[in-house]
Amino acid sequence: MEITYRKHEDFCVPNLLMHGSEPAAYGRFGRMRLKYLKEHRRAVYVGASYI
């Protein structure tokens, strides 16, 4: 695999692309965390949905 880079200011940043996107798969504790955020930390839950 060959990685190419681009110059951004004084840094070399790798050109990484994701081919196709997979739906998020949350395990038991991930679902529990989302439920907690939805019920008790609504602002964090709404902000996390944009990621």
PDB file of N, CA and C in Angstrom:
ATOM      1  N   MET A   1       0.844  -1.159   0.000  1.00  0.00           N
ATOM      2  CA  MET A   1       0.000   0.000   0.000  1.00  0.00           C
ATOM      3  C   MET A   1       0.900   1.235   0.000  1.00  0.00           C
ATOM      4  N   GLU A   2       0.601   2.150  -0.877  1.00  0.00           N
ATOM      5  CA  GLU A   2       1.381   3.377  -0.955  1.00  0.00           C
ATOM      6  C   GLU A   2       0.548   4.535  -0.426  1.00  0.00           C
ATOM      7  N   ILE A   3       1.129   5.299   0.456  1.00  0.00           N
ATOM      8  CA  ILE A   3       0.425   6.439   1.049  1.00  0.00           C
ATOM      9  C   ILE A   3       1.006   7.716   0.456  1.00  0.00           C
ATOM     10  N   THR A   4       0.124   8.577  -0.009  1.00  0.00           N
ATOM     11  CA  THR A   4       0.553   9.873  -0.522  1.00  0.00           C
ATOM     12  C   THR A   4       0.246  10.941   0.520  1.00  0.00           C
ATOM     13  N   TYR A   5       0.980  12.024   0.442  1.00  0.00           N
ATOM     14  CA  TYR A   5       0.838  13.095   1.422  1.00  0.00           C
ATOM     15  C   TYR A   5       0.582  14.419   0.720  1.00  0.00           C
ATOM     16  N   ARG A   6      -0.046  15.334   1.436  1.00  0.00           N
ATOM     17  CA  ARG A   6      -0.232  16.699   0.951  1.00  0.00           C
ATOM     18  C   ARG A   6       0.333  17.649   1.995  1.00  0.00           C
ATOM     19  N   LYS A   7       0.774  18.785   1.552  1.00  0.00           N
ATOM     20  CA  LYS A   7       1.367  19.783   2.447  1.00  0.00           C
ATOM     21  C   LYS A   7       0.264  20.693   2.972  1.00  0.00           C
ATOM     22  N   HIS A   8       0.154  20.823   4.295  1.00  0.00           N
ATOM     23  CA  HIS A   8      -0.797  21.731   4.931  1.00  0.00           C
ATOM     24  C   HIS A   8      -0.009  22.562   5.929  1.00  0.00           C
ATOM     25  N   GLU A   9       0.168  23.834   5.614  1.00  0.00           N
ATOM     26  CA  GLU A   9       1.023  24.733   6.383  1.00  0.00           C
ATOM     27  C   GLU A   9       2.418  24.116   6.473  1.00  0.00           C
ATOM     28  N   ASP A  10       2.883  23.765   7.653  1.00  0.00           N
ATOM     29  CA  ASP A  10       4.219  23.189   7.790  1.00  0.00           C
ATOM     30  C   ASP A  10       4.197  21.675   7.992  1.00  0.00           C
ATOM     31  N   PHE A  11       3.056  21.049   7.754  1.00  0.00           N
ATOM     32  CA  PHE A  11       2.912  19.626   8.044  1.00  0.00           C
ATOM     33  C   PHE A  11       2.592  18.844   6.786  1.00  0.00           C
ATOM     34  N   CYS A  12       3.019  17.602   6.770  1.00  0.00           N
ATOM     35  CA  CYS A  12       2.630  16.667   5.712  1.00  0.00           C
ATOM     36  C   CYS A  12       1.493  15.811   6.269  1.00  0.00           C
ATOM     37  N   VAL A  13       0.346  15.870   5.615  1.00  0.00           N
ATOM     38  CA  VAL A  13      -0.845  15.158   6.066  1.00  0.00           C
ATOM     39  C   VAL A  13      -1.122  14.030   5.078  1.00  0.00           C
ATOM     40  N   PRO A  14      -1.336  12.797   5.568  1.00  0.00           N
ATOM     41  CA  PRO A  14      -1.608  11.699   4.641  1.00  0.00           C
ATOM     42  C   PRO A  14      -2.977  11.863   3.975  1.00  0.00           C
ATOM     43  N   ASN A  15      -3.055  11.482   2.715  1.00  0.00           N
ATOM     44  CA  ASN A  15      -4.317  11.509   1.976  1.00  0.00           C
ATOM     45  C   ASN A  15      -5.042  10.194   2.237  1.00  0.00           C
ATOM     46  N   LEU A  16      -5.874  10.173   3.251  1.00  0.00           N
ATOM     47  CA  LEU A  16      -6.603   8.966   3.620  1.00  0.00           C
ATOM     48  C   LEU A  16      -8.067   9.130   3.260  1.00  0.00           C
ATOM     49  N   LEU A  17      -8.595   8.182   2.539  1.00  0.00           N
ATOM     50  CA  LEU A  17      -9.996   8.198   2.146  1.00  0.00           C
ATOM     51  C   LEU A  17     -10.656   6.909   2.599  1.00  0.00           C
ATOM     52  N   MET A  18     -11.897   7.025   3.038  1.00  0.00           N
ATOM     53  CA  MET A  18     -12.669   5.850   3.387  1.00  0.00           C
ATOM     54  C   MET A  18     -13.561   5.502   2.205  1.00  0.00           C
ATOM     55  N   HIS A  19     -13.470   4.295   1.740  1.00  0.00           N
ATOM     56  CA  HIS A  19     -14.287   3.853   0.624  1.00  0.00           C
ATOM     57  C   HIS A  19     -15.580   3.249   1.171  1.00  0.00           C
ATOM     58  N   GLY A  20     -16.690   3.933   0.889  1.00  0.00           N
ATOM     59  CA  GLY A  20     -17.971   3.470   1.408  1.00  0.00           C
ATOM     60  C   GLY A  20     -18.043   3.656   2.911  1.00  0.00           C
ATOM     61  N   SER A  21     -19.181   3.895   3.403  1.00  0.00           N
ATOM     62  CA  SER A  21     -19.315   4.052   4.848  1.00  0.00           C
ATOM     63  C   SER A  21     -20.205   2.953   5.392  1.00  0.00           C
ATOM     64  N   GLU A  22     -19.783   2.406   6.502  1.00  0.00           N
ATOM     65  CA  GLU A  22     -20.543   1.361   7.162  1.00  0.00           C
ATOM     66  C   GLU A  22     -21.384   1.990   8.269  1.00  0.00           C
ATOM     67  N   PRO A  23     -22.558   1.480   8.493  1.00  0.00           N
ATOM     68  CA  PRO A  23     -23.360   2.023   9.594  1.00  0.00           C
ATOM     69  C   PRO A  23     -22.680   1.731  10.931  1.00  0.00           C
ATOM     70  N   ALA A  24     -22.894   2.612  11.869  1.00  0.00           N
ATOM     71  CA  ALA A  24     -22.289   2.437  13.192  1.00  0.00           C
ATOM     72  C   ALA A  24     -22.877   1.202  13.857  1.00  0.00           C
ATOM     73  N   ALA A  25     -22.029   0.393  14.437  1.00  0.00           N
ATOM     74  CA  ALA A  25     -22.457  -0.804  15.148  1.00  0.00           C
ATOM     75  C   ALA A  25     -22.042  -0.647  16.606  1.00  0.00           C
ATOM     76  N   TYR A  26     -23.005  -0.425  17.470  1.00  0.00           N
ATOM     77  CA  TYR A  26     -22.727  -0.228  18.883  1.00  0.00           C
ATOM     78  C   TYR A  26     -22.992  -1.516  19.639  1.00  0.00           C
ATOM     79  N   GLY A  27     -22.091  -1.832  20.547  1.00  0.00           N
ATOM     80  CA  GLY A  27     -22.265  -2.992  21.405  1.00  0.00           C
ATOM     81  C   GLY A  27     -23.177  -2.643  22.572  1.00  0.00           C
ATOM     82  N   ARG A  28     -23.222  -3.537  23.524  1.00  0.00           N
ATOM     83  CA  ARG A  28     -24.098  -3.359  24.694  1.00  0.00           C
ATOM     84  C   ARG A  28     -23.789  -2.067  25.441  1.00  0.00           C
ATOM     85  N   PHE A  29     -22.515  -1.825  25.736  1.00  0.00           N
ATOM     86  CA  PHE A  29     -22.146  -0.659  26.529  1.00  0.00           C
ATOM     87  C   PHE A  29     -22.255   0.628  25.723  1.00  0.00           C
ATOM     88  N   GLY A  30     -22.053   0.561  24.424  1.00  0.00           N
ATOM     89  CA  GLY A  30     -22.262   1.722  23.571  1.00  0.00           C
ATOM     90  C   GLY A  30     -23.718   2.156  23.560  1.00  0.00           C
ATOM     91  N   ARG A  31     -24.615   1.169  23.480  1.00  0.00           N
ATOM     92  CA  ARG A  31     -26.053   1.486  23.522  1.00  0.00           C
ATOM     93  C   ARG A  31     -26.457   2.048  24.875  1.00  0.00           C
ATOM     94  N   MET A  32     -25.862   1.499  25.957  1.00  0.00           N
ATOM     95  CA  MET A  32     -26.150   2.025  27.292  1.00  0.00           C
ATOM     96  C   MET A  32     -25.677   3.469  27.410  1.00  0.00           C
ATOM     97  N   ARG A  33     -24.511   3.768  26.849  1.00  0.00           N
ATOM     98  CA  ARG A  33     -23.970   5.135  26.880  1.00  0.00           C
ATOM     99  C   ARG A  33     -24.875   6.089  26.110  1.00  0.00           C
ATOM    100  N   LEU A  34     -25.314   5.694  24.924  1.00  0.00           N
ATOM    101  CA  LEU A  34     -26.206   6.541  24.138  1.00  0.00           C
ATOM    102  C   LEU A  34     -27.524   6.792  24.875  1.00  0.00           C
ATOM    103  N   LYS A  35     -28.043   5.778  25.523  1.00  0.00           N
ATOM    104  CA  LYS A  35     -29.290   5.943  26.284  1.00  0.00           C
ATOM    105  C   LYS A  35     -29.089   6.940  27.424  1.00  0.00           C
ATOM    106  N   TYR A  36     -27.962   6.816  28.141  1.00  0.00           N
ATOM    107  CA  TYR A  36     -27.655   7.747  29.229  1.00  0.00           C
ATOM    108  C   TYR A  36     -27.545   9.176  28.701  1.00  0.00           C
ATOM    109  N   LEU A  37     -26.807   9.350  27.607  1.00  0.00           N
ATOM    110  CA  LEU A  37     -26.651  10.691  27.043  1.00  0.00           C
ATOM    111  C   LEU A  37     -27.990  11.269  26.609  1.00  0.00           C
ATOM    112  N   LYS A  38     -28.817  10.450  25.999  1.00  0.00           N
ATOM    113  CA  LYS A  38     -30.117  10.920  25.529  1.00  0.00           C
ATOM    114  C   LYS A  38     -30.996  11.376  26.694  1.00  0.00           C
ATOM    115  N   GLU A  39     -30.923  10.660  27.818  1.00  0.00           N
ATOM    116  CA  GLU A  39     -31.785  10.971  28.960  1.00  0.00           C
ATOM    117  C   GLU A  39     -31.221  12.054  29.882  1.00  0.00           C
ATOM    118  N   HIS A  40     -29.886  12.126  30.019  1.00  0.00           N
ATOM    119  CA  HIS A  40     -29.306  13.000  31.031  1.00  0.00           C
ATOM    120  C   HIS A  40     -28.391  14.096  30.487  1.00  0.00           C
ATOM    121  N   ARG A  41     -27.843  13.936  29.317  1.00  0.00           N
ATOM    122  CA  ARG A  41     -26.918  14.912  28.736  1.00  0.00           C
ATOM    123  C   ARG A  41     -27.314  15.161  27.285  1.00  0.00           C
ATOM    124  N   ARG A  42     -28.489  15.756  27.131  1.00  0.00           N
ATOM    125  CA  ARG A  42     -29.097  15.916  25.810  1.00  0.00           C
ATOM    126  C   ARG A  42     -28.197  16.676  24.827  1.00  0.00           C
ATOM    127  N   ALA A  43     -27.530  17.711  25.279  1.00  0.00           N
ATOM    128  CA  ALA A  43     -26.680  18.517  24.386  1.00  0.00           C
ATOM    129  C   ALA A  43     -25.526  17.683  23.830  1.00  0.00           C
ATOM    130  N   VAL A  44     -24.933  16.845  24.646  1.00  0.00           N
ATOM    131  CA  VAL A  44     -23.843  15.985  24.196  1.00  0.00           C
ATOM    132  C   VAL A  44     -24.370  14.933  23.222  1.00  0.00           C
ATOM    133  N   TYR A  45     -25.547  14.395  23.521  1.00  0.00           N
ATOM    134  CA  TYR A  45     -26.164  13.380  22.653  1.00  0.00           C
ATOM    135  C   TYR A  45     -26.468  13.962  21.271  1.00  0.00           C
ATOM    136  N   VAL A  46     -27.017  15.147  21.223  1.00  0.00           N
ATOM    137  CA  VAL A  46     -27.342  15.790  19.939  1.00  0.00           C
ATOM    138  C   VAL A  46     -26.064  16.116  19.177  1.00  0.00           C
ATOM    139  N   GLY A  47     -25.045  16.612  19.867  1.00  0.00           N
ATOM    140  CA  GLY A  47     -23.770  16.917  19.232  1.00  0.00           C
ATOM    141  C   GLY A  47     -23.072  15.670  18.725  1.00  0.00           C
ATOM    142  N   ALA A  48     -23.209  14.557  19.426  1.00  0.00           N
ATOM    143  CA  ALA A  48     -22.557  13.319  19.028  1.00  0.00           C
ATOM    144  C   ALA A  48     -23.207  12.714  17.788  1.00  0.00           C
ATOM    145  N   SER A  49     -24.452  13.046  17.523  1.00  0.00           N
ATOM    146  CA  SER A  49     -25.137  12.467  16.364  1.00  0.00           C
ATOM    147  C   SER A  49     -24.626  13.046  15.058  1.00  0.00           C
ATOM    148  N   TYR A  50     -23.891  14.175  15.104  1.00  0.00           N
ATOM    149  CA  TYR A  50     -23.367  14.777  13.888  1.00  0.00           C
ATOM    150  C   TYR A  50     -22.027  14.208  13.482  1.00  0.00           C
ATOM    151  N   ILE A  51     -21.439  13.346  14.332  1.00  0.00           N
ATOM    152  CA  ILE A  51     -20.110  12.794  14.033  1.00  0.00           C
ATOM    153  C   ILE A  51     -20.234  11.672  13.039  1.00  0.00           C
TER     154      ILE A  51
END
